Amino acid sequence: MSPQDVALISEWGRMVNGPVLDAGSGPGHWTDLLRTLKCEVVGLDMVPEFIEIAKNRFPSTNFVLGDLSNLPLKASSLGGILAWYSLIHLRPDDWGLVLGEFARTLRPGGSLLLGAFLGEQGAPFEHAITEAYYWSELELLKQLKSAGFQAISVHSRCVAGIRPHVDVLAQRC
């Protein structure tokens, strides 16, 4: 967990009003960080092994098995969604569907904090877990707008020897 990511996610977690979903929670470290900040948070992942690891590592934190394209949540039930490098594992054709689910489950004015790798739009690359895809900043903003989000802030960073990153804070319109 990079100090820069911890600071950003912590700041966001303190400002979210209402329940939070860590969408694609993986082994659960970001979900647990949000819990320690007193967020009402649940981590959701489609990989049973990740859910098991997360529950074992963080027994005080809630984790559920689920699919980002069909969230087991009521409409407008969330104050915030964290999608920290989870959408990179979606095929580009599925981005709109998942962002639409995020918009459906977020309250109007709710926030989405998203992290991704910058590169040639939709280009695949090998990742430690499974194949992943680059996002272009332009396409990311276009997809968010189409799903009913307004970008509040966009930050990209390039560090030698590491893939370029982008994080976007967006608000549901």
Foldseek 3Di string as FASTA:
>chain_A
DDPVVLVVLLVVLLPFDAAEEAEQCFLPPSQVSSVVSVHNYEYEHQDPVSQVNNCVVCVPGHYDYDDLLDDPAAFQRGQEYEAEAVCQADQPVCLLSSLLSVLRRHHQFHKYKYKFFADDDRDWDDDPPGIGGHHHPVVVCVSNVVSQKDWPDKDWDDDPPDTIMMITMIGHD
